[in-house]
C-alpha atoms as a PDB file:
ATOM      1  CA  UNK A   1      13.208 -14.600 -14.526  1.00  0.00           C
ATOM      2  CA  UNK A   2      14.162 -15.856 -11.493  1.00  0.00           C
ATOM      3  CA  UNK A   3      15.975 -19.139 -11.221  1.00  0.00           C
ATOM      4  CA  UNK A   4      14.877 -21.509  -8.505  1.00  0.00           C
ATOM      5  CA  UNK A   5      17.499 -22.147  -5.623  1.00  0.00           C
ATOM      6  CA  UNK A   6      19.961 -24.946  -5.800  1.00  0.00           C
ATOM      7  CA  UNK A   7      19.027 -27.868  -3.197  1.00  0.00           C
ATOM      8  CA  UNK A   8      21.612 -29.236  -1.335  1.00  0.00           C
ATOM      9  CA  UNK A   9      22.954 -32.650  -2.230  1.00  0.00           C
ATOM     10  CA  UNK A  10      21.411 -35.147   0.152  1.00  0.00           C
ATOM     11  CA  UNK A  11      23.981 -37.329   1.501  1.00  0.00           C
ATOM     12  CA  UNK A  12      23.589 -40.789  -0.069  1.00  0.00           C
ATOM     13  CA  UNK A  13      25.140 -44.319  -0.447  1.00  0.00           C
ATOM     14  CA  UNK A  14      25.846 -45.856  -3.659  1.00  0.00           C
ATOM     15  CA  UNK A  15      23.904 -48.876  -2.354  1.00  0.00           C
ATOM     16  CA  UNK A  16      20.909 -46.664  -1.409  1.00  0.00           C
ATOM     17  CA  UNK A  17      20.278 -45.967  -5.042  1.00  0.00           C
ATOM     18  CA  UNK A  18      17.742 -48.268  -6.301  1.00  0.00           C
ATOM     19  CA  UNK A  19      14.483 -48.042  -8.294  1.00  0.00           C
ATOM     20  CA  UNK A  20      12.863 -48.335  -5.065  1.00  0.00           C
ATOM     21  CA  UNK A  21      14.843 -45.694  -3.033  1.00  0.00           C
ATOM     22  CA  UNK A  22      13.114 -42.346  -2.239  1.00  0.00           C
ATOM     23  CA  UNK A  23      16.367 -40.748  -3.425  1.00  0.00           C
ATOM     24  CA  UNK A  24      15.812 -42.733  -6.908  1.00  0.00           C
ATOM     25  CA  UNK A  25      13.800 -39.655  -8.660  1.00  0.00           C
ATOM     26  CA  UNK A  26      14.617 -37.513 -11.602  1.00  0.00           C
ATOM     27  CA  UNK A  27      16.254 -34.229 -10.485  1.00  0.00           C
ATOM     28  CA  UNK A  28      17.080 -35.454  -7.212  1.00  0.00           C
ATOM     29  CA  UNK A  29      20.012 -33.477  -5.462  1.00  0.00           C
ATOM     30  CA  UNK A  30      22.468 -35.887  -3.967  1.00  0.00           C
ATOM     31  CA  UNK A  31      25.977 -36.395  -2.522  1.00  0.00           C
ATOM     32  CA  UNK A  32      27.592 -39.347  -3.556  1.00  0.00           C
ATOM     33  CA  UNK A  33      31.180 -41.110  -2.589  1.00  0.00           C
ATOM     34  CA  UNK A  34      33.295 -43.481  -4.219  1.00  0.00           C
ATOM     35  CA  UNK A  35      36.110 -44.917  -5.711  1.00  0.00           C
ATOM     36  CA  UNK A  36      36.660 -43.958  -9.530  1.00  0.00           C
ATOM     37  CA  UNK A  37      36.838 -46.987 -11.340  1.00  0.00           C
ATOM     38  CA  UNK A  38      36.669 -45.740 -15.078  1.00  0.00           C
ATOM     39  CA  UNK A  39      36.759 -42.523 -17.056  1.00  0.00           C
ATOM     40  CA  UNK A  40      35.791 -41.602 -20.709  1.00  0.00           C
ATOM     41  CA  UNK A  41      37.745 -38.528 -21.513  1.00  0.00           C
ATOM     42  CA  UNK A  42      35.338 -38.335 -24.832  1.00  0.00           C
ATOM     43  CA  UNK A  43      32.064 -38.293 -22.917  1.00  0.00           C
ATOM     44  CA  UNK A  44      33.431 -37.280 -19.782  1.00  0.00           C
ATOM     45  CA  UNK A  45      31.362 -39.997 -18.168  1.00  0.00           C
ATOM     46  CA  UNK A  46      33.032 -41.420 -14.712  1.00  0.00           C
ATOM     47  CA  UNK A  47      32.121 -44.498 -13.096  1.00  0.00           C
ATOM     48  CA  UNK A  48      32.406 -44.443  -9.224  1.00  0.00           C
ATOM     49  CA  UNK A  49      32.248 -47.838  -6.934  1.00  0.00           C
ATOM     50  CA  UNK A  50      31.432 -48.556  -3.455  1.00  0.00           C
ATOM     51  CA  UNK A  51      31.717 -51.969  -2.746  1.00  0.00           C
ATOM     52  CA  UNK A  52      29.297 -53.988  -5.626  1.00  0.00           C
ATOM     53  CA  UNK A  53      27.666 -50.815  -6.298  1.00  0.00           C
ATOM     54  CA  UNK A  54      28.234 -48.268  -9.135  1.00  0.00           C
ATOM     55  CA  UNK A  55      26.875 -45.138 -10.535  1.00  0.00           C
ATOM     56  CA  UNK A  56      27.844 -43.334 -13.808  1.00  0.00           C
ATOM     57  CA  UNK A  57      28.802 -39.521 -13.284  1.00  0.00           C
ATOM     58  CA  UNK A  58      28.314 -36.884 -15.941  1.00  0.00           C
ATOM     59  CA  UNK A  59      31.373 -34.775 -15.159  1.00  0.00           C
ATOM     60  CA  UNK A  60      31.179 -32.173 -18.226  1.00  0.00           C
ATOM     61  CA  UNK A  61      30.604 -29.062 -16.029  1.00  0.00           C
ATOM     62  CA  UNK A  62      33.823 -29.957 -13.792  1.00  0.00           C
ATOM     63  CA  UNK A  63      36.664 -28.530 -15.934  1.00  0.00           C
ATOM     64  CA  UNK A  64      38.993 -28.037 -13.075  1.00  0.00           C
ATOM     65  CA  UNK A  65      38.679 -31.438 -11.725  1.00  0.00           C
ATOM     66  CA  UNK A  66      42.015 -33.510 -11.881  1.00  0.00           C
ATOM     67  CA  UNK A  67      40.365 -37.183 -12.737  1.00  0.00           C
ATOM     68  CA  UNK A  68      42.524 -39.833 -11.565  1.00  0.00           C
ATOM     69  CA  UNK A  69      41.280 -43.699 -11.897  1.00  0.00           C
ATOM     70  CA  UNK A  70      41.604 -45.532  -8.483  1.00  0.00           C
ATOM     71  CA  UNK A  71      41.028 -42.210  -6.281  1.00  0.00           C
ATOM     72  CA  UNK A  72      38.216 -41.546  -4.088  1.00  0.00           C
ATOM     73  CA  UNK A  73      35.935 -39.029  -4.985  1.00  0.00           C
ATOM     74  CA  UNK A  74      32.857 -37.356  -3.890  1.00  0.00           C
ATOM     75  CA  UNK A  75      30.244 -35.635  -6.347  1.00  0.00           C
ATOM     76  CA  UNK A  76      27.223 -33.127  -6.118  1.00  0.00           C
ATOM     77  CA  UNK A  77      24.583 -32.950  -8.682  1.00  0.00           C
ATOM     78  CA  UNK A  78      21.105 -34.006  -9.797  1.00  0.00           C
ATOM     79  CA  UNK A  79      20.188 -37.427 -10.848  1.00  0.00           C
ATOM     80  CA  UNK A  80      19.115 -37.918 -14.344  1.00  0.00           C
ATOM     81  CA  UNK A  81      17.043 -41.330 -14.997  1.00  0.00           C
ATOM     82  CA  UNK A  82      17.421 -42.847 -18.446  1.00  0.00           C
ATOM     83  CA  UNK A  83      14.793 -44.884 -20.312  1.00  0.00           C
ATOM     84  CA  UNK A  84      16.188 -47.945 -19.252  1.00  0.00           C
ATOM     85  CA  UNK A  85      16.151 -46.818 -15.413  1.00  0.00           C
ATOM     86  CA  UNK A  86      19.874 -46.599 -15.347  1.00  0.00           C
ATOM     87  CA  UNK A  87      20.661 -43.482 -12.906  1.00  0.00           C
ATOM     88  CA  UNK A  88      23.395 -40.798 -14.256  1.00  0.00           C
ATOM     89  CA  UNK A  89      24.488 -38.119 -11.888  1.00  0.00           C
ATOM     90  CA  UNK A  90      25.018 -34.756 -13.172  1.00  0.00           C
ATOM     91  CA  UNK A  91      27.605 -33.379 -11.372  1.00  0.00           C
ATOM     92  CA  UNK A  92      28.121 -29.861 -10.491  1.00  0.00           C
ATOM     93  CA  UNK A  93      30.530 -30.374  -7.776  1.00  0.00           C
ATOM     94  CA  UNK A  94      33.453 -32.921  -7.462  1.00  0.00           C
ATOM     95  CA  UNK A  95      36.279 -33.433  -5.415  1.00  0.00           C
ATOM     96  CA  UNK A  96      39.116 -35.779  -4.720  1.00  0.00           C
ATOM     97  CA  UNK A  97      38.785 -37.487  -1.052  1.00  0.00           C
ATOM     98  CA  UNK A  98      41.660 -39.523  -1.006  1.00  0.00           C
ATOM     99  CA  UNK A  99      42.470 -40.711   2.412  1.00  0.00           C
ATOM    100  CA  UNK A 100      39.084 -40.302   3.714  1.00  0.00           C
ATOM    101  CA  UNK A 101      38.161 -43.086   6.343  1.00  0.00           C
ATOM    102  CA  UNK A 102      35.212 -44.380   4.774  1.00  0.00           C
ATOM    103  CA  UNK A 103      34.423 -46.317   7.793  1.00  0.00           C
ATOM    104  CA  UNK A 104      34.455 -43.297   9.814  1.00  0.00           C
ATOM    105  CA  UNK A 105      32.377 -41.638   7.234  1.00  0.00           C
ATOM    106  CA  UNK A 106      29.839 -44.297   7.345  1.00  0.00           C
ATOM    107  CA  UNK A 107      29.509 -43.966  11.083  1.00  0.00           C
ATOM    108  CA  UNK A 108      29.104 -40.158  11.051  1.00  0.00           C
ATOM    109  CA  UNK A 109      26.432 -40.564   8.247  1.00  0.00           C
ATOM    110  CA  UNK A 110      24.611 -42.967  10.195  1.00  0.00           C
ATOM    111  CA  UNK A 111      24.926 -40.684  13.211  1.00  0.00           C
ATOM    112  CA  UNK A 112      23.683 -37.715  11.421  1.00  0.00           C
ATOM    113  CA  UNK A 113      20.672 -39.813  10.137  1.00  0.00           C
ATOM    114  CA  UNK A 114      19.691 -40.950  13.668  1.00  0.00           C
ATOM    115  CA  UNK A 115      20.075 -36.962  14.856  1.00  0.00           C
ATOM    116  CA  UNK A 116      17.921 -35.662  12.279  1.00  0.00           C
ATOM    117  CA  UNK A 117      15.287 -38.275  12.557  1.00  0.00           C
ATOM    118  CA  UNK A 118      14.858 -37.751  16.398  1.00  0.00           C
ATOM    119  CA  UNK A 119      14.944 -33.928  15.754  1.00  0.00           C
ATOM    120  CA  UNK A 120      12.480 -34.355  13.072  1.00  0.00           C
ATOM    121  CA  UNK A 121       9.957 -36.193  15.605  1.00  0.00           C
ATOM    122  CA  UNK A 122      10.762 -33.785  18.498  1.00  0.00           C
ATOM    123  CA  UNK A 123      12.018 -30.451  17.337  1.00  0.00           C
ATOM    124  CA  UNK A 124      11.901 -28.925  20.789  1.00  0.00           C
ATOM    125  CA  UNK A 125      14.446 -31.548  21.778  1.00  0.00           C
END
């Protein structure tokens, strides 16, 4: 039986993950970045924050990741929507990104989205 290919994680800001967002759907493959606010060793559930927004991350598959509260992390995985409409990202990749310039990261993400929007409108450009 052939398995379906793993999708790349769409770059999403935590503030964009809300029930009305096109990314807020069961199984969506996402890449998120935030500061690790808390981590439970018993459940392997981490919470990352970016400003006032937060997201729970299930890190059970990340055995080699050294997790430190207060550090910046980037996770790629699939979104699971709980019955109470709470989102949990099942991470398949995680990395520490301490030292990242978030202002520059947000600017580059904005430029990437502008480029993609223009390219999709006019693929010959």
